[in-house]
Amino acid sequence: MKKLIIIAGIGLMGATAVYAQKINESKVPAAAKNAFMKQFPGVNAKWEKEGADFEAGFDKGGKKMSAVFASDGSWKETETSIAVSALPTAAQQYVKKNYPSEKIKEAAEIKKANGSIVYEAEIKGGDLLFDQNGTFIKSSKD
């Protein structure tokens, strides 16, 4: 019984480590904070630790955004909320066909450090990712 409780506890700790955890700005490495301030001057952010990376959530120009940085300050991606109607048509059609009872709750455009653009459609229970043409890439559960 003790072994089962210990294994369950370890599994629970591992599961919580996968999800973003809110942190105080003082816990964010200076390199990541400085890179954020350089890329988004004058913007106040709320920080989360996401695995080994640091995510800054903020509003800019009336849009909800987030930017992810490595601890060394290298930029990984920026996510910007968009209207559901701004998703590529193929992505919208994919959701209608494959999730007919679901409605897209939120949508976002994600610009990656390698220059690629990915679109995210949030439905009940998870997110669907699409390439810039609207071709389905993968799903992830909440």
C-alpha atoms as a PDB file:
ATOM      1  CA  MET A   1       0.000   0.000   0.000  1.00  0.00           C
ATOM      2  CA  LYS A   2       2.849   2.384   0.860  1.00  0.00           C
ATOM      3  CA  LYS A   3       4.432   1.723  -2.539  1.00  0.00           C
ATOM      4  CA  LEU A   4       1.167   2.545  -4.285  1.00  0.00           C
ATOM      5  CA  ILE A   5       0.832   5.849  -2.408  1.00  0.00           C
ATOM      6  CA  ILE A   6       4.440   6.791  -3.164  1.00  0.00           C
ATOM      7  CA  ILE A   7       4.044   5.943  -6.862  1.00  0.00           C
ATOM      8  CA  ALA A   8       0.800   7.930  -7.042  1.00  0.00           C
ATOM      9  CA  GLY A   9       2.500  10.900  -5.352  1.00  0.00           C
ATOM     10  CA  ILE A  10       5.418  10.821  -7.780  1.00  0.00           C
ATOM     11  CA  GLY A  11       3.011  10.595 -10.717  1.00  0.00           C
ATOM     12  CA  LEU A  12       1.047  13.570  -9.423  1.00  0.00           C
ATOM     13  CA  MET A  13       4.204  15.657  -9.029  1.00  0.00           C
ATOM     14  CA  GLY A  14       5.255  14.770 -12.558  1.00  0.00           C
ATOM     15  CA  ALA A  15       1.848  15.664 -13.948  1.00  0.00           C
ATOM     16  CA  THR A  16       1.851  19.084 -12.302  1.00  0.00           C
ATOM     17  CA  ALA A  17       5.357  19.795 -13.595  1.00  0.00           C
ATOM     18  CA  VAL A  18       4.088  19.534 -17.182  1.00  0.00           C
ATOM     19  CA  TYR A  19       1.645  22.410 -16.768  1.00  0.00           C
ATOM     20  CA  ALA A  20       2.626  26.058 -16.492  1.00  0.00           C
ATOM     21  CA  GLN A  21       3.055  27.318 -12.962  1.00  0.00           C
ATOM     22  CA  LYS A  22       2.667  30.984 -12.039  1.00  0.00           C
ATOM     23  CA  ILE A  23       5.844  32.477 -10.632  1.00  0.00           C
ATOM     24  CA  ASN A  24       6.940  35.818  -9.250  1.00  0.00           C
ATOM     25  CA  GLU A  25       8.899  37.967 -11.684  1.00  0.00           C
ATOM     26  CA  SER A  26      11.859  37.843  -9.288  1.00  0.00           C
ATOM     27  CA  LYS A  27      12.184  34.106 -10.084  1.00  0.00           C
ATOM     28  CA  VAL A  28      12.552  34.752 -13.841  1.00  0.00           C
ATOM     29  CA  PRO A  29      16.188  34.695 -15.038  1.00  0.00           C
ATOM     30  CA  ALA A  30      17.500  38.170 -15.888  1.00  0.00           C
ATOM     31  CA  ALA A  31      18.343  37.063 -19.441  1.00  0.00           C
ATOM     32  CA  ALA A  32      14.717  36.039 -20.094  1.00  0.00           C
ATOM     33  CA  LYS A  33      13.314  39.239 -18.529  1.00  0.00           C
ATOM     34  CA  ASN A  34      15.731  41.435 -20.483  1.00  0.00           C
ATOM     35  CA  ALA A  35      14.929  39.671 -23.758  1.00  0.00           C
ATOM     36  CA  PHE A  36      11.213  40.172 -23.084  1.00  0.00           C
ATOM     37  CA  MET A  37      11.643  43.881 -22.251  1.00  0.00           C
ATOM     38  CA  LYS A  38      13.721  44.400 -25.400  1.00  0.00           C
ATOM     39  CA  GLN A  39      11.147  42.691 -27.634  1.00  0.00           C
ATOM     40  CA  PHE A  40       8.099  44.188 -25.887  1.00  0.00           C
ATOM     41  CA  PRO A  41       9.168  47.520 -24.323  1.00  0.00           C
ATOM     42  CA  GLY A  42       6.825  49.157 -21.829  1.00  0.00           C
ATOM     43  CA  VAL A  43       4.655  46.057 -21.402  1.00  0.00           C
ATOM     44  CA  ASN A  44       3.883  44.517 -18.001  1.00  0.00           C
ATOM     45  CA  ALA A  45       3.764  40.733 -17.887  1.00  0.00           C
ATOM     46  CA  LYS A  46       2.635  37.942 -15.608  1.00  0.00           C
ATOM     47  CA  TRP A  47       5.140  35.109 -15.665  1.00  0.00           C
ATOM     48  CA  GLU A  48       4.735  31.346 -15.657  1.00  0.00           C
ATOM     49  CA  LYS A  49       7.293  28.565 -15.673  1.00  0.00           C
ATOM     50  CA  GLU A  50       6.508  26.117 -18.436  1.00  0.00           C
ATOM     51  CA  GLY A  51       8.870  23.168 -18.213  1.00  0.00           C
ATOM     52  CA  ALA A  52      12.368  24.638 -18.522  1.00  0.00           C
ATOM     53  CA  ASP A  53      11.047  27.805 -20.213  1.00  0.00           C
ATOM     54  CA  PHE A  54       9.479  31.045 -19.008  1.00  0.00           C
ATOM     55  CA  GLU A  55       6.241  32.418 -20.452  1.00  0.00           C
ATOM     56  CA  ALA A  56       5.235  36.067 -20.177  1.00  0.00           C
ATOM     57  CA  GLY A  57       1.501  36.739 -20.515  1.00  0.00           C
ATOM     58  CA  PHE A  58       0.457  40.286 -21.407  1.00  0.00           C
ATOM     59  CA  ASP A  59      -1.870  42.571 -23.355  1.00  0.00           C
ATOM     60  CA  LYS A  60      -0.567  44.638 -26.246  1.00  0.00           C
ATOM     61  CA  GLY A  61      -2.611  46.741 -28.607  1.00  0.00           C
ATOM     62  CA  GLY A  62      -5.820  45.315 -27.178  1.00  0.00           C
ATOM     63  CA  LYS A  63      -4.723  41.746 -27.886  1.00  0.00           C
ATOM     64  CA  LYS A  64      -4.011  38.992 -25.396  1.00  0.00           C
ATOM     65  CA  MET A  65      -0.490  37.677 -26.002  1.00  0.00           C
ATOM     66  CA  SER A  66       2.219  35.494 -24.528  1.00  0.00           C
ATOM     67  CA  ALA A  67       5.898  35.052 -25.325  1.00  0.00           C
ATOM     68  CA  VAL A  68       8.102  32.122 -24.359  1.00  0.00           C
ATOM     69  CA  PHE A  69      11.798  32.477 -23.565  1.00  0.00           C
ATOM     70  CA  ALA A  70      14.500  30.023 -22.526  1.00  0.00           C
ATOM     71  CA  SER A  71      16.408  30.789 -19.334  1.00  0.00           C
ATOM     72  CA  ASP A  72      19.302  32.112 -21.468  1.00  0.00           C
ATOM     73  CA  GLY A  73      16.953  34.714 -22.980  1.00  0.00           C
ATOM     74  CA  SER A  74      16.509  33.087 -26.370  1.00  0.00           C
ATOM     75  CA  TRP A  75      13.036  33.701 -27.778  1.00  0.00           C
ATOM     76  CA  LYS A  76      11.047  30.582 -28.647  1.00  0.00           C
ATOM     77  CA  GLU A  77       7.590  31.797 -29.697  1.00  0.00           C
ATOM     78  CA  THR A  78       4.910  34.450 -29.397  1.00  0.00           C
ATOM     79  CA  GLU A  79       1.210  33.605 -29.249  1.00  0.00           C
ATOM     80  CA  THR A  80      -1.399  36.204 -30.183  1.00  0.00           C
ATOM     81  CA  SER A  81      -5.157  35.787 -29.728  1.00  0.00           C
ATOM     82  CA  ILE A  82      -7.107  36.110 -32.968  1.00  0.00           C
ATOM     83  CA  ALA A  83     -10.758  35.948 -33.933  1.00  0.00           C
ATOM     84  CA  VAL A  84     -11.972  32.425 -34.681  1.00  0.00           C
ATOM     85  CA  SER A  85     -12.906  33.674 -38.157  1.00  0.00           C
ATOM     86  CA  ALA A  86      -9.226  34.565 -38.730  1.00  0.00           C
ATOM     87  CA  LEU A  87      -8.203  30.900 -38.579  1.00  0.00           C
ATOM     88  CA  PRO A  88      -7.354  29.457 -41.998  1.00  0.00           C
ATOM     89  CA  THR A  89     -10.503  28.166 -43.697  1.00  0.00           C
ATOM     90  CA  ALA A  90      -9.080  24.633 -43.851  1.00  0.00           C
ATOM     91  CA  ALA A  91      -8.616  24.646 -40.060  1.00  0.00           C
ATOM     92  CA  GLN A  92     -12.190  25.783 -39.485  1.00  0.00           C
ATOM     93  CA  GLN A  93     -13.467  23.078 -41.854  1.00  0.00           C
ATOM     94  CA  TYR A  94     -11.352  20.434 -40.098  1.00  0.00           C
ATOM     95  CA  VAL A  95     -12.949  21.275 -36.755  1.00  0.00           C
ATOM     96  CA  LYS A  96     -16.479  21.221 -38.224  1.00  0.00           C
ATOM     97  CA  LYS A  97     -15.872  17.842 -39.870  1.00  0.00           C
ATOM     98  CA  ASN A  98     -13.943  16.081 -37.094  1.00  0.00           C
ATOM     99  CA  TYR A  99     -15.542  17.704 -34.042  1.00  0.00           C
ATOM    100  CA  PRO A 100     -19.118  18.433 -35.207  1.00  0.00           C
ATOM    101  CA  SER A 101     -20.476  18.888 -31.689  1.00  0.00           C
ATOM    102  CA  GLU A 102     -17.658  21.221 -30.643  1.00  0.00           C
ATOM    103  CA  LYS A 103     -17.338  24.956 -31.043  1.00  0.00           C
ATOM    104  CA  ILE A 104     -13.987  26.743 -31.183  1.00  0.00           C
ATOM    105  CA  LYS A 105     -13.746  28.719 -27.920  1.00  0.00           C
ATOM    106  CA  GLU A 106     -10.554  30.658 -28.672  1.00  0.00           C
ATOM    107  CA  ALA A 107      -8.023  30.911 -31.468  1.00  0.00           C
ATOM    108  CA  ALA A 108      -4.413  32.046 -31.644  1.00  0.00           C
ATOM    109  CA  GLU A 109      -1.583  32.607 -34.087  1.00  0.00           C
ATOM    110  CA  ILE A 110       1.788  31.326 -32.870  1.00  0.00           C
ATOM    111  CA  LYS A 111       4.993  32.690 -34.396  1.00  0.00           C
ATOM    112  CA  LYS A 112       7.923  30.344 -33.799  1.00  0.00           C
ATOM    113  CA  ALA A 113      11.594  31.324 -33.567  1.00  0.00           C
ATOM    114  CA  ASN A 114      12.292  29.400 -36.784  1.00  0.00           C
ATOM    115  CA  GLY A 115       9.911  31.731 -38.658  1.00  0.00           C
ATOM    116  CA  SER A 116       7.031  29.290 -38.989  1.00  0.00           C
ATOM    117  CA  ILE A 117       3.465  30.192 -38.084  1.00  0.00           C
ATOM    118  CA  VAL A 118       1.117  27.756 -36.374  1.00  0.00           C
ATOM    119  CA  TYR A 119      -2.555  28.258 -35.564  1.00  0.00           C
ATOM    120  CA  GLU A 120      -4.226  26.998 -32.407  1.00  0.00           C
ATOM    121  CA  ALA A 121      -7.936  26.310 -32.007  1.00  0.00           C
ATOM    122  CA  GLU A 122      -9.175  25.668 -28.479  1.00  0.00           C
ATOM    123  CA  ILE A 123     -12.106  23.319 -28.120  1.00  0.00           C
ATOM    124  CA  LYS A 124     -13.567  21.616 -25.055  1.00  0.00           C
ATOM    125  CA  GLY A 125     -10.890  19.366 -23.604  1.00  0.00           C
ATOM    126  CA  GLY A 126      -7.883  20.554 -25.580  1.00  0.00           C
ATOM    127  CA  ASP A 127      -6.165  22.434 -28.357  1.00  0.00           C
ATOM    128  CA  LEU A 128      -5.819  21.643 -32.041  1.00  0.00           C
ATOM    129  CA  LEU A 129      -2.735  22.848 -33.919  1.00  0.00           C
ATOM    130  CA  PHE A 130      -2.632  23.660 -37.628  1.00  0.00           C
ATOM    131  CA  ASP A 131       0.087  24.856 -39.988  1.00  0.00           C
ATOM    132  CA  GLN A 132      -0.181  28.206 -41.780  1.00  0.00           C
ATOM    133  CA  ASN A 133      -2.298  26.598 -44.525  1.00  0.00           C
ATOM    134  CA  GLY A 134      -4.745  25.154 -42.020  1.00  0.00           C
ATOM    135  CA  THR A 135      -3.501  21.570 -42.279  1.00  0.00           C
ATOM    136  CA  PHE A 136      -3.987  19.674 -39.012  1.00  0.00           C
ATOM    137  CA  ILE A 137      -0.731  18.991 -37.130  1.00  0.00           C
ATOM    138  CA  LYS A 138      -1.717  17.570 -33.735  1.00  0.00           C
ATOM    139  CA  SER A 139      -4.008  17.849 -30.730  1.00  0.00           C
ATOM    140  CA  SER A 140      -3.133  18.289 -27.084  1.00  0.00           C
ATOM    141  CA  LYS A 141      -5.373  17.708 -24.097  1.00  0.00           C
ATOM    142  CA  ASP A 142      -5.864  20.313 -21.374  1.00  0.00           C
END
